[in-house]
């Protein structure tokens, strides 16, 4: 750990009563301890889903379920949590193996995002939902500056492109696999590929709609397979 955790606690505005909890939240599996942060990450992921969902529910009283889901998806993902982790300079505190560190682990979006989720899971365990809600929402508002429908509504294509560029250094490719039906009622089947590998496929009434749905599927696939 490059820095004292006291600095991180100051930046969070939270002091851990049980220092073992914050150490566990900052311990990557490569560090080869009897514990790591994966269980706390699992918990933090669920807590942040709820916290951000509740925040958006009360903030945007006229938004429908579909809009709220899309806005939440733009915040609760690897790209969003990576930004919050970098704001806290979380990479400087994570406990990693030498090999993982030499491999650029402290700058990996997936590793930073997972550590942020674990940290929020640890705060939730120790102090409950209200405390983690205040810390997480304060951070989101600070990092995103303006919280409005226009500034938050990020389409799935943009989010997936940011993620693939950060993780793989490439831009996703969208291919029309098929188009069906008469001109006035056409449907398009679109696949999204990264480095030639398919990550999602969807059908829509326009190419754009199908691309969005395919990107949404791809985000879910990446989230599940790269924990």
Protein backbone atom coordinates (compact mmCIF):
# COMPACT_ATOMS: atom_id res chain seq x y z
CA UNK A 1 0.00 0.00 0.00
CA UNK A 2 1.69 3.19 -1.20
CA UNK A 3 -0.18 5.58 1.06
CA UNK A 4 -1.57 5.64 4.56
CA UNK A 5 -5.25 4.67 4.64
CA UNK A 6 -5.86 7.72 6.85
CA UNK A 7 -5.60 9.93 3.76
CA UNK A 8 -8.20 7.78 2.00
CA UNK A 9 -10.46 7.94 5.07
CA UNK A 10 -10.12 11.75 5.07
CA UNK A 11 -11.08 11.90 1.39
CA UNK A 12 -14.07 9.62 2.03
CA UNK A 13 -15.11 11.58 5.12
CA UNK A 14 -15.36 8.25 6.95
CA UNK A 15 -13.26 6.55 9.62
CA UNK A 16 -13.34 2.77 9.80
CA UNK A 17 -13.77 1.42 13.31
CA UNK A 18 -12.53 -1.96 12.10
CA UNK A 19 -9.36 -1.32 10.09
CA UNK A 20 -9.36 -4.96 8.93
CA UNK A 21 -12.46 -4.19 6.87
CA UNK A 22 -10.85 -1.43 4.82
CA UNK A 23 -7.71 -3.54 4.36
CA UNK A 24 -9.85 -6.42 3.06
CA UNK A 25 -11.66 -4.02 0.70
CA UNK A 26 -8.31 -2.90 -0.72
CA UNK A 27 -6.79 -6.39 -1.08
CA UNK A 28 -6.72 -7.77 -4.61
CA UNK A 29 -6.80 -11.57 -5.00
CA UNK A 30 -3.28 -11.51 -6.50
CA UNK A 31 -1.90 -10.42 -3.10
CA UNK A 32 -2.28 -14.03 -1.87
CA UNK A 33 -3.82 -13.50 1.56
CA UNK A 34 -6.43 -15.75 3.23
CA UNK A 35 -8.90 -12.99 2.24
CA UNK A 36 -9.46 -10.64 -0.73
CA UNK A 37 -12.00 -8.01 -1.74
CA UNK A 38 -14.20 -10.10 -4.04
CA UNK A 39 -16.97 -10.83 -1.49
CA UNK A 40 -17.11 -7.16 -0.46
CA UNK A 41 -17.18 -6.21 -4.14
CA UNK A 42 -20.23 -8.46 -4.64
CA UNK A 43 -21.97 -6.75 -1.72
CA UNK A 44 -20.97 -3.24 -2.79
CA UNK A 45 -22.29 -3.83 -6.31
CA UNK A 46 -25.75 -4.65 -4.93
CA UNK A 47 -25.69 -1.75 -2.44
CA UNK A 48 -24.70 0.78 -5.12
CA UNK A 49 -27.46 -0.49 -7.43
CA UNK A 50 -29.98 0.26 -4.68
CA UNK A 51 -28.45 3.56 -3.52
CA UNK A 52 -28.21 5.02 -7.03
CA UNK A 53 -31.65 3.66 -7.95
CA UNK A 54 -33.24 5.36 -4.92
CA UNK A 55 -31.34 8.60 -5.60
CA UNK A 56 -32.58 8.73 -9.21
CA UNK A 57 -36.14 7.75 -8.18
CA UNK A 58 -36.46 10.84 -5.97
CA UNK A 59 -34.38 13.17 -8.15
CA UNK A 60 -36.26 12.58 -11.41
CA UNK A 61 -39.88 12.32 -10.30
CA UNK A 62 -41.32 12.43 -13.83
CA UNK A 63 -38.96 9.88 -15.42
CA UNK A 64 -40.41 6.48 -16.32
CA UNK A 65 -38.89 3.11 -15.39
CA UNK A 66 -37.10 2.69 -18.72
CA UNK A 67 -35.45 6.11 -18.49
CA UNK A 68 -34.43 5.56 -14.86
CA UNK A 69 -32.91 2.19 -15.79
CA UNK A 70 -30.88 3.73 -18.61
CA UNK A 71 -29.63 6.57 -16.40
CA UNK A 72 -28.66 4.13 -13.66
CA UNK A 73 -26.85 1.95 -16.21
CA UNK A 74 -24.81 5.02 -17.19
CA UNK A 75 -23.62 5.45 -13.59
CA UNK A 76 -23.52 1.92 -12.18
CA UNK A 77 -20.91 0.33 -14.42
CA UNK A 78 -17.17 -0.14 -14.67
CA UNK A 79 -16.59 3.19 -16.42
CA UNK A 80 -18.61 5.10 -13.82
CA UNK A 81 -16.98 3.44 -10.81
CA UNK A 82 -13.52 3.75 -12.37
CA UNK A 83 -14.04 7.56 -12.43
CA UNK A 84 -15.03 7.59 -8.75
CA UNK A 85 -12.07 5.35 -7.84
CA UNK A 86 -9.65 7.67 -9.68
CA UNK A 87 -11.12 10.69 -7.91
CA UNK A 88 -10.19 8.98 -4.62
CA UNK A 89 -6.78 7.92 -6.07
CA UNK A 90 -7.76 4.39 -5.03
CA UNK A 91 -5.01 2.82 -7.15
CA UNK A 92 -2.41 4.14 -4.72
CA UNK A 93 -3.91 2.18 -1.82
CA UNK A 94 -4.69 -1.22 -3.36
CA UNK A 95 -2.68 -4.22 -2.15
CA UNK A 96 -1.43 -6.11 -5.21
CA UNK A 97 1.12 -8.74 -6.10
CA UNK A 98 4.34 -7.43 -7.66
CA UNK A 99 3.41 -9.15 -10.93
CA UNK A 100 -0.01 -7.47 -11.04
CA UNK A 101 1.53 -4.11 -10.18
CA UNK A 102 4.14 -4.50 -12.94
CA UNK A 103 1.26 -5.35 -15.28
CA UNK A 104 -0.29 -1.92 -14.66
CA UNK A 105 -2.81 -3.19 -12.11
CA UNK A 106 -3.09 0.17 -10.31
CA UNK A 107 -4.41 1.74 -13.50
CA UNK A 108 -6.76 -1.05 -14.68
CA UNK A 109 -10.37 0.21 -14.88
CA UNK A 110 -11.79 -3.20 -13.88
CA UNK A 111 -9.54 -3.46 -10.83
CA UNK A 112 -10.24 0.13 -9.72
CA UNK A 113 -13.98 -0.26 -10.25
CA UNK A 114 -14.05 -3.53 -8.27
CA UNK A 115 -12.07 -1.96 -5.42
CA UNK A 116 -14.49 0.96 -5.25
CA UNK A 117 -17.43 -1.46 -5.01
CA UNK A 118 -15.62 -3.39 -2.26
CA UNK A 119 -14.96 -0.18 -0.32
CA UNK A 120 -18.65 0.76 -0.45
CA UNK A 121 -19.54 -2.80 0.61
CA UNK A 122 -17.22 -2.47 3.62
CA UNK A 123 -18.76 0.86 4.68
CA UNK A 124 -22.23 -0.67 4.34
CA UNK A 125 -21.28 -3.63 6.53
CA UNK A 126 -19.89 -1.42 9.26
CA UNK A 127 -22.29 1.53 9.23
CA UNK A 128 -25.34 0.68 7.13
CA UNK A 129 -27.17 2.05 4.12
CA UNK A 130 -27.59 5.71 5.13
CA UNK A 131 -23.85 6.19 5.61
CA UNK A 132 -22.84 4.53 2.34
CA UNK A 133 -25.62 6.44 0.55
CA UNK A 134 -24.29 9.81 1.69
CA UNK A 135 -20.69 8.96 0.76
CA UNK A 136 -21.53 7.44 -2.65
CA UNK A 137 -23.98 10.17 -3.71
CA UNK A 138 -21.64 12.96 -2.56
CA UNK A 139 -18.90 11.40 -4.70
CA UNK A 140 -21.17 10.95 -7.73
CA UNK A 141 -22.35 14.57 -7.53
CA UNK A 142 -18.78 15.81 -7.12
CA UNK A 143 -17.36 13.77 -10.01
CA UNK A 144 -20.28 14.23 -12.42
CA UNK A 145 -20.64 17.93 -11.52
CA UNK A 146 -24.09 18.46 -13.05
CA UNK A 147 -26.68 15.79 -12.35
CA UNK A 148 -29.44 16.27 -14.91
CA UNK A 149 -31.29 14.05 -17.37
CA UNK A 150 -29.31 15.54 -20.25
CA UNK A 151 -25.91 15.12 -18.62
CA UNK A 152 -26.63 11.64 -17.23
CA UNK A 153 -28.43 10.07 -20.15
CA UNK A 154 -25.66 8.10 -21.71
CA UNK A 155 -26.58 5.64 -24.37
CA UNK A 156 -25.37 2.05 -24.08
CA UNK A 157 -23.23 2.34 -27.23
CA UNK A 158 -21.19 5.19 -25.71
CA UNK A 159 -20.79 3.40 -22.39
CA UNK A 160 -19.71 0.16 -24.05
CA UNK A 161 -17.26 1.98 -26.31
CA UNK A 162 -15.66 3.71 -23.28
CA UNK A 163 -15.35 0.37 -21.53
CA UNK A 164 -13.82 -1.48 -24.49
CA UNK A 165 -11.36 1.32 -25.18
CA UNK A 166 -10.29 1.39 -21.52
CA UNK A 167 -10.02 -2.38 -21.19
CA UNK A 168 -9.03 -3.65 -24.65
CA UNK A 169 -7.82 -0.49 -26.41
CA UNK A 170 -10.26 -1.05 -29.30
CA UNK A 171 -13.62 0.28 -30.50
CA UNK A 172 -16.58 -2.11 -30.83
CA UNK A 173 -17.86 -2.96 -34.31
CA UNK A 174 -21.57 -3.27 -35.17
CA UNK A 175 -22.62 -5.62 -37.97
CA UNK A 176 -26.07 -5.95 -39.51
CA UNK A 177 -26.63 -9.72 -39.57
CA UNK A 178 -30.04 -9.63 -41.22
CA UNK A 179 -32.98 -7.39 -42.11
CA UNK A 180 -36.50 -8.74 -42.31
CA UNK A 181 -40.00 -7.61 -43.26
CA UNK A 182 -41.45 -5.08 -45.71
CA UNK A 183 -40.02 -1.55 -45.88
CA UNK A 184 -42.71 -0.01 -43.66
CA UNK A 185 -42.22 -2.67 -40.99
CA UNK A 186 -38.56 -3.62 -41.27
CA UNK A 187 -36.58 -5.19 -38.44
CA UNK A 188 -32.81 -5.30 -38.19
CA UNK A 189 -30.66 -7.89 -36.44
CA UNK A 190 -27.36 -6.42 -35.28
CA UNK A 191 -24.34 -8.00 -33.57
CA UNK A 192 -21.66 -6.13 -31.63
CA UNK A 193 -18.09 -7.46 -31.87
CA UNK A 194 -14.86 -6.61 -30.08
CA UNK A 195 -11.71 -7.89 -31.79
CA UNK A 196 -13.90 -10.20 -33.87
CA UNK A 197 -15.61 -11.75 -30.82
CA UNK A 198 -19.38 -11.32 -30.52
CA UNK A 199 -20.57 -9.81 -27.23
CA UNK A 200 -24.23 -9.15 -27.96
CA UNK A 201 -26.92 -9.49 -30.62
CA UNK A 202 -30.35 -7.87 -30.84
CA UNK A 203 -33.28 -7.09 -33.12
CA UNK A 204 -34.76 -3.60 -33.48
CA UNK A 205 -37.10 -1.54 -35.64
CA UNK A 206 -34.10 0.49 -36.77
CA UNK A 207 -30.36 -0.19 -36.98
CA UNK A 208 -29.78 2.35 -34.20
CA UNK A 209 -32.30 0.70 -31.86
CA UNK A 210 -30.78 -2.74 -32.51
CA UNK A 211 -27.27 -1.39 -31.89
CA UNK A 212 -28.36 0.10 -28.55
CA UNK A 213 -29.93 -3.15 -27.39
CA UNK A 214 -26.91 -5.18 -28.54
CA UNK A 215 -24.58 -2.80 -26.63
CA UNK A 216 -26.77 -3.17 -23.51
CA UNK A 217 -26.43 -6.96 -23.73
CA UNK A 218 -22.67 -6.65 -24.27
CA UNK A 219 -22.30 -4.51 -21.13
CA UNK A 220 -24.04 -7.21 -19.09
CA UNK A 221 -21.79 -9.92 -20.61
CA UNK A 222 -18.61 -7.98 -19.77
CA UNK A 223 -19.84 -7.23 -16.26
CA UNK A 224 -20.52 -10.93 -15.58
CA UNK A 225 -17.37 -12.35 -17.14
CA UNK A 226 -14.77 -9.85 -15.91
CA UNK A 227 -15.37 -9.69 -12.20
